[in-house]
Amino acid sequence: MNQEVTILKALAEPTRLRLAVLLALNGETCVCRLAEALEAPQFRISRHLGILRDRGVVEARRDGTWMYYRLSEPRSSLETCLQGCLRECFADDATIQGDSARFVRGECGAQPPEKLPPQK
């Protein structure tokens, strides 16, 4: 039960929960894209992802200078259930909807598409 408590404690922090939901919804993602979606500095997002990695919630891979994160393969029925919940249970949450709206797919290092000015 210690492993489950560790995972639940890691997800109890709002930024880490938001990151886990984005990874559940979008799959492997670069830190820069996660930072854009949460409107937070990359160093802060990296720190939270490091905690999630230490607790076994996410896995990381390096590609050049970029770090990519994804949810770890579930090791128990609880983790399988939690990952399903991360994908499904937060669909109506306003914060997650905002994060998802800001989420940009694409290669890191490339500039995200410019936002169009509002129509008058």
N, C-alpha and C. Protein backbone atom coordinates (compact mmCIF):
# COMPACT_ATOMS: atom_id res chain seq x y z
N MET A 1 0.81 -1.20 0.00
CA MET A 1 0.00 0.00 0.00
C MET A 1 0.85 1.27 0.00
N ASN A 2 2.12 1.18 0.37
CA ASN A 2 2.99 2.37 0.41
C ASN A 2 3.13 3.01 -0.97
N GLN A 3 3.25 2.19 -2.02
CA GLN A 3 3.40 2.72 -3.37
C GLN A 3 2.16 3.52 -3.78
N GLU A 4 0.99 3.02 -3.44
CA GLU A 4 -0.25 3.72 -3.78
C GLU A 4 -0.35 5.05 -3.04
N VAL A 5 0.03 5.06 -1.77
CA VAL A 5 0.01 6.30 -0.98
C VAL A 5 0.97 7.32 -1.59
N THR A 6 2.14 6.87 -2.01
CA THR A 6 3.13 7.75 -2.62
C THR A 6 2.57 8.40 -3.89
N ILE A 7 1.91 7.62 -4.72
CA ILE A 7 1.33 8.14 -5.97
C ILE A 7 0.22 9.14 -5.67
N LEU A 8 -0.66 8.78 -4.75
CA LEU A 8 -1.77 9.68 -4.42
C LEU A 8 -1.28 10.99 -3.82
N LYS A 9 -0.25 10.94 -2.99
CA LYS A 9 0.32 12.16 -2.42
C LYS A 9 0.92 13.03 -3.52
N ALA A 10 1.60 12.42 -4.48
CA ALA A 10 2.20 13.18 -5.58
C ALA A 10 1.12 13.89 -6.40
N LEU A 11 -0.01 13.23 -6.61
CA LEU A 11 -1.09 13.81 -7.41
C LEU A 11 -1.96 14.78 -6.62
N ALA A 12 -1.75 14.88 -5.31
CA ALA A 12 -2.55 15.76 -4.48
C ALA A 12 -2.20 17.23 -4.65
N GLU A 13 -1.09 17.53 -5.31
CA GLU A 13 -0.67 18.91 -5.55
C GLU A 13 -1.29 19.35 -6.88
N PRO A 14 -1.96 20.51 -6.95
CA PRO A 14 -2.70 20.90 -8.15
C PRO A 14 -1.89 20.94 -9.45
N THR A 15 -0.69 21.48 -9.43
CA THR A 15 0.10 21.54 -10.66
C THR A 15 0.44 20.14 -11.14
N ARG A 16 0.81 19.26 -10.24
CA ARG A 16 1.16 17.89 -10.64
C ARG A 16 -0.06 17.14 -11.16
N LEU A 17 -1.23 17.38 -10.57
CA LEU A 17 -2.45 16.75 -11.07
C LEU A 17 -2.76 17.25 -12.48
N ARG A 18 -2.64 18.55 -12.70
CA ARG A 18 -2.88 19.11 -14.03
C ARG A 18 -1.91 18.52 -15.05
N LEU A 19 -0.64 18.37 -14.68
CA LEU A 19 0.34 17.77 -15.59
C LEU A 19 -0.03 16.33 -15.92
N ALA A 20 -0.42 15.57 -14.91
CA ALA A 20 -0.79 14.17 -15.13
C ALA A 20 -2.01 14.06 -16.05
N VAL A 21 -2.98 14.95 -15.87
CA VAL A 21 -4.16 14.93 -16.74
C VAL A 21 -3.76 15.25 -18.18
N LEU A 22 -2.92 16.27 -18.38
CA LEU A 22 -2.48 16.61 -19.74
C LEU A 22 -1.74 15.45 -20.38
N LEU A 23 -0.89 14.78 -19.62
CA LEU A 23 -0.16 13.63 -20.17
C LEU A 23 -1.12 12.48 -20.48
N ALA A 24 -2.12 12.29 -19.65
CA ALA A 24 -3.11 11.23 -19.91
C ALA A 24 -3.89 11.54 -21.18
N LEU A 25 -4.20 12.79 -21.41
CA LEU A 25 -4.99 13.18 -22.58
C LEU A 25 -4.18 13.24 -23.87
N ASN A 26 -2.89 13.61 -23.76
CA ASN A 26 -2.11 13.90 -24.96
C ASN A 26 -0.93 12.97 -25.20
N GLY A 27 -0.65 12.08 -24.27
CA GLY A 27 0.49 11.19 -24.46
C GLY A 27 1.80 11.92 -24.21
N GLU A 28 2.88 11.35 -24.73
CA GLU A 28 4.21 11.90 -24.49
C GLU A 28 4.29 13.34 -24.98
N THR A 29 4.84 14.19 -24.10
CA THR A 29 4.86 15.62 -24.37
C THR A 29 6.14 16.23 -23.83
N CYS A 30 6.64 17.23 -24.53
CA CYS A 30 7.83 17.95 -24.11
C CYS A 30 7.49 18.93 -22.98
N VAL A 31 8.46 19.18 -22.14
CA VAL A 31 8.29 20.12 -21.04
C VAL A 31 7.83 21.48 -21.54
N CYS A 32 8.39 21.93 -22.67
CA CYS A 32 8.04 23.27 -23.15
C CYS A 32 6.56 23.37 -23.48
N ARG A 33 5.97 22.33 -24.02
CA ARG A 33 4.54 22.34 -24.34
C ARG A 33 3.68 22.33 -23.07
N LEU A 34 4.13 21.57 -22.07
CA LEU A 34 3.40 21.53 -20.80
C LEU A 34 3.46 22.90 -20.11
N ALA A 35 4.62 23.54 -20.18
CA ALA A 35 4.77 24.86 -19.57
C ALA A 35 3.86 25.88 -20.26
N GLU A 36 3.77 25.80 -21.58
CA GLU A 36 2.87 26.71 -22.31
C GLU A 36 1.42 26.48 -21.89
N ALA A 37 1.03 25.22 -21.80
CA ALA A 37 -0.36 24.89 -21.47
C ALA A 37 -0.73 25.38 -20.07
N LEU A 38 0.19 25.25 -19.11
CA LEU A 38 -0.09 25.66 -17.74
C LEU A 38 0.28 27.12 -17.47
N GLU A 39 0.83 27.78 -18.49
CA GLU A 39 1.27 29.16 -18.34
C GLU A 39 2.17 29.33 -17.13
N ALA A 40 3.19 28.47 -17.08
CA ALA A 40 4.13 28.47 -15.96
C ALA A 40 5.55 28.37 -16.51
N PRO A 41 6.54 28.84 -15.77
CA PRO A 41 7.93 28.73 -16.24
C PRO A 41 8.37 27.28 -16.34
N GLN A 42 9.23 27.01 -17.32
CA GLN A 42 9.69 25.63 -17.53
C GLN A 42 10.38 25.06 -16.31
N PHE A 43 11.14 25.86 -15.58
CA PHE A 43 11.84 25.32 -14.41
C PHE A 43 10.85 24.80 -13.37
N ARG A 44 9.72 25.48 -13.23
CA ARG A 44 8.70 25.04 -12.26
C ARG A 44 8.05 23.74 -12.72
N ILE A 45 7.73 23.66 -14.00
CA ILE A 45 7.13 22.44 -14.55
C ILE A 45 8.12 21.28 -14.45
N SER A 46 9.38 21.54 -14.77
CA SER A 46 10.40 20.49 -14.66
C SER A 46 10.53 19.97 -13.24
N ARG A 47 10.45 20.87 -12.27
CA ARG A 47 10.54 20.46 -10.86
C ARG A 47 9.39 19.52 -10.50
N HIS A 48 8.17 19.90 -10.90
CA HIS A 48 7.02 19.06 -10.61
C HIS A 48 7.09 17.72 -11.35
N LEU A 49 7.55 17.74 -12.60
CA LEU A 49 7.70 16.49 -13.35
C LEU A 49 8.77 15.59 -12.71
N GLY A 50 9.81 16.21 -12.15
CA GLY A 50 10.84 15.44 -11.45
C GLY A 50 10.27 14.72 -10.24
N ILE A 51 9.39 15.38 -9.52
CA ILE A 51 8.73 14.75 -8.37
C ILE A 51 7.86 13.60 -8.84
N LEU A 52 7.09 13.83 -9.91
CA LEU A 52 6.24 12.75 -10.45
C LEU A 52 7.08 11.58 -10.94
N ARG A 53 8.24 11.87 -11.52
CA ARG A 53 9.12 10.79 -11.98
C ARG A 53 9.69 10.02 -10.79
N ASP A 54 10.12 10.73 -9.76
CA ASP A 54 10.66 10.07 -8.57
C ASP A 54 9.63 9.17 -7.90
N ARG A 55 8.36 9.53 -8.02
CA ARG A 55 7.28 8.75 -7.40
C ARG A 55 6.76 7.64 -8.32
N GLY A 56 7.28 7.57 -9.56
CA GLY A 56 6.89 6.52 -10.48
C GLY A 56 5.63 6.81 -11.29
N VAL A 57 5.18 8.05 -11.28
CA VAL A 57 3.96 8.40 -11.99
C VAL A 57 4.25 8.63 -13.48
N VAL A 58 5.40 9.25 -13.78
CA VAL A 58 5.78 9.52 -15.16
C VAL A 58 7.16 8.94 -15.47
N GLU A 59 7.42 8.81 -16.77
CA GLU A 59 8.74 8.41 -17.27
C GLU A 59 9.23 9.52 -18.17
N ALA A 60 10.55 9.64 -18.29
CA ALA A 60 11.13 10.70 -19.11
C ALA A 60 12.09 10.11 -20.13
N ARG A 61 12.23 10.84 -21.24
CA ARG A 61 13.23 10.49 -22.24
C ARG A 61 13.79 11.79 -22.80
N ARG A 62 15.08 11.77 -23.06
CA ARG A 62 15.76 12.94 -23.61
C ARG A 62 15.89 12.77 -25.12
N ASP A 63 15.63 13.86 -25.84
CA ASP A 63 15.84 13.90 -27.28
C ASP A 63 16.59 15.20 -27.56
N GLY A 64 17.91 15.11 -27.67
CA GLY A 64 18.74 16.30 -27.80
C GLY A 64 18.67 17.09 -26.52
N THR A 65 18.25 18.34 -26.61
CA THR A 65 18.17 19.19 -25.42
C THR A 65 16.79 19.15 -24.78
N TRP A 66 15.87 18.42 -25.38
CA TRP A 66 14.48 18.41 -24.91
C TRP A 66 14.19 17.17 -24.08
N MET A 67 13.37 17.36 -23.05
CA MET A 67 12.91 16.24 -22.22
C MET A 67 11.44 16.01 -22.52
N TYR A 68 11.11 14.75 -22.77
CA TYR A 68 9.74 14.35 -23.04
C TYR A 68 9.25 13.46 -21.91
N TYR A 69 8.02 13.68 -21.50
CA TYR A 69 7.43 12.92 -20.40
C TYR A 69 6.16 12.23 -20.86
N ARG A 70 5.90 11.09 -20.23
CA ARG A 70 4.64 10.36 -20.45
C ARG A 70 4.30 9.65 -19.15
N LEU A 71 3.04 9.28 -19.01
CA LEU A 71 2.65 8.50 -17.83
C LEU A 71 3.35 7.16 -17.87
N SER A 72 3.75 6.67 -16.71
CA SER A 72 4.38 5.35 -16.62
C SER A 72 3.36 4.26 -16.92
N GLU A 73 3.86 3.13 -17.37
CA GLU A 73 2.99 1.97 -17.56
C GLU A 73 2.41 1.59 -16.20
N PRO A 74 1.12 1.36 -16.13
CA PRO A 74 0.51 1.00 -14.85
C PRO A 74 1.11 -0.30 -14.30
N ARG A 75 1.39 -0.31 -13.00
CA ARG A 75 1.95 -1.49 -12.34
C ARG A 75 0.93 -2.18 -11.44
N SER A 76 -0.25 -1.59 -11.33
CA SER A 76 -1.28 -2.17 -10.48
C SER A 76 -2.64 -1.78 -11.03
N SER A 77 -3.68 -2.44 -10.53
CA SER A 77 -5.03 -2.10 -10.97
C SER A 77 -5.39 -0.68 -10.55
N LEU A 78 -4.89 -0.21 -9.41
CA LEU A 78 -5.14 1.16 -8.99
C LEU A 78 -4.56 2.15 -10.00
N GLU A 79 -3.33 1.92 -10.45
CA GLU A 79 -2.72 2.83 -11.41
C GLU A 79 -3.47 2.82 -12.74
N THR A 80 -3.94 1.66 -13.16
CA THR A 80 -4.75 1.58 -14.38
C THR A 80 -6.02 2.39 -14.22
N CYS A 81 -6.67 2.24 -13.09
CA CYS A 81 -7.90 2.97 -12.79
C CYS A 81 -7.63 4.48 -12.72
N LEU A 82 -6.56 4.88 -12.07
CA LEU A 82 -6.21 6.30 -11.95
C LEU A 82 -5.96 6.92 -13.32
N GLN A 83 -5.25 6.22 -14.18
CA GLN A 83 -4.96 6.77 -15.50
C GLN A 83 -6.24 6.93 -16.32
N GLY A 84 -7.17 5.98 -16.19
CA GLY A 84 -8.46 6.12 -16.85
C GLY A 84 -9.22 7.32 -16.30
N CYS A 85 -9.17 7.48 -15.00
CA CYS A 85 -9.84 8.62 -14.35
C CYS A 85 -9.22 9.94 -14.80
N LEU A 86 -7.90 9.99 -14.92
CA LEU A 86 -7.24 11.21 -15.36
C LEU A 86 -7.74 11.61 -16.76
N ARG A 87 -7.99 10.62 -17.61
CA ARG A 87 -8.48 10.90 -18.97
C ARG A 87 -9.95 11.28 -18.99
N GLU A 88 -10.75 10.70 -18.11
CA GLU A 88 -12.20 10.84 -18.22
C GLU A 88 -12.83 11.75 -17.16
N CYS A 89 -12.35 11.72 -15.97
CA CYS A 89 -13.04 12.40 -14.85
C CYS A 89 -12.84 13.91 -14.83
N PHE A 90 -11.86 14.43 -15.55
CA PHE A 90 -11.57 15.86 -15.50
C PHE A 90 -12.03 16.60 -16.75
N ALA A 91 -12.79 15.93 -17.61
CA ALA A 91 -13.20 16.53 -18.89
C ALA A 91 -13.99 17.82 -18.71
N ASP A 92 -14.77 17.93 -17.66
CA ASP A 92 -15.61 19.11 -17.45
C ASP A 92 -14.96 20.16 -16.55
N ASP A 93 -13.76 19.90 -16.08
CA ASP A 93 -13.09 20.84 -15.17
C ASP A 93 -12.61 22.06 -15.96
N ALA A 94 -12.96 23.24 -15.49
CA ALA A 94 -12.62 24.48 -16.19
C ALA A 94 -11.11 24.68 -16.32
N THR A 95 -10.37 24.36 -15.27
CA THR A 95 -8.91 24.52 -15.33
C THR A 95 -8.31 23.62 -16.39
N ILE A 96 -8.74 22.37 -16.42
CA ILE A 96 -8.22 21.42 -17.42
C ILE A 96 -8.65 21.84 -18.82
N GLN A 97 -9.85 22.34 -18.98
CA GLN A 97 -10.29 22.81 -20.29
C GLN A 97 -9.41 23.98 -20.76
N GLY A 98 -9.06 24.88 -19.86
CA GLY A 98 -8.16 25.98 -20.21
C GLY A 98 -6.78 25.49 -20.58
N ASP A 99 -6.25 24.54 -19.80
CA ASP A 99 -4.94 23.96 -20.10
C ASP A 99 -4.97 23.30 -21.48
N SER A 100 -6.02 22.55 -21.75
CA SER A 100 -6.14 21.84 -23.03
C SER A 100 -6.25 22.82 -24.19
N ALA A 101 -6.94 23.92 -23.99
CA ALA A 101 -7.08 24.92 -25.05
C ALA A 101 -5.73 25.57 -25.38
N ARG A 102 -4.86 25.70 -24.38
CA ARG A 102 -3.54 26.30 -24.59
C ARG A 102 -2.51 25.29 -25.07
N PHE A 103 -2.83 24.01 -24.96
CA PHE A 103 -1.87 22.96 -25.33
C PHE A 103 -1.63 23.00 -26.83
N VAL A 104 -0.34 23.03 -27.21
CA VAL A 104 0.04 23.07 -28.62
C VAL A 104 0.84 21.82 -28.92
N ARG A 105 0.41 21.10 -29.95
CA ARG A 105 1.20 19.95 -30.42
C ARG A 105 2.26 20.46 -31.37
N GLY A 106 3.33 19.75 -31.47
CA GLY A 106 4.37 20.13 -32.42
C GLY A 106 5.74 19.84 -31.84
N GLU A 107 6.73 20.04 -32.68
CA GLU A 107 8.10 19.77 -32.26
C GLU A 107 8.61 20.90 -31.37
N CYS A 108 9.39 20.54 -30.40
CA CYS A 108 10.00 21.55 -29.55
C CYS A 108 11.11 22.23 -30.32
N GLY A 109 11.32 23.47 -29.97
CA GLY A 109 12.32 24.25 -30.67
C GLY A 109 11.68 25.03 -31.80
N ALA A 110 10.58 24.51 -32.32
CA ALA A 110 9.85 25.24 -33.36
C ALA A 110 8.94 26.24 -32.65
N GLN A 111 8.77 27.36 -33.24
CA GLN A 111 7.89 28.36 -32.65
C GLN A 111 6.44 27.89 -32.76
N PRO A 112 5.66 28.04 -31.70
CA PRO A 112 4.25 27.69 -31.81
C PRO A 112 3.57 28.62 -32.81
N PRO A 113 2.49 28.18 -33.41
CA PRO A 113 1.81 29.06 -34.37
C PRO A 113 1.38 30.35 -33.70
N GLU A 114 1.49 31.44 -34.45
CA GLU A 114 1.09 32.73 -33.91
C GLU A 114 -0.41 32.76 -33.70
N LYS A 115 -0.80 33.40 -32.63
CA LYS A 115 -2.23 33.56 -32.38
C LYS A 115 -2.75 34.68 -33.27
N LEU A 116 -3.90 34.46 -33.84
CA LEU A 116 -4.51 35.49 -34.66
C LEU A 116 -5.09 36.56 -33.77
N PRO A 117 -5.03 37.81 -34.22
CA PRO A 117 -5.63 38.88 -33.41
C PRO A 117 -7.15 38.68 -33.38
N PRO A 118 -7.78 39.15 -32.32
CA PRO A 118 -9.24 39.00 -32.23
C PRO A 118 -9.92 39.75 -33.37
N GLN A 119 -11.01 39.17 -33.84
CA GLN A 119 -11.77 39.81 -34.92
C GLN A 119 -12.58 40.94 -34.34
N LYS A 120 -12.74 42.00 -35.14
CA LYS A 120 -13.51 43.16 -34.67
C LYS A 120 -14.89 43.13 -35.22
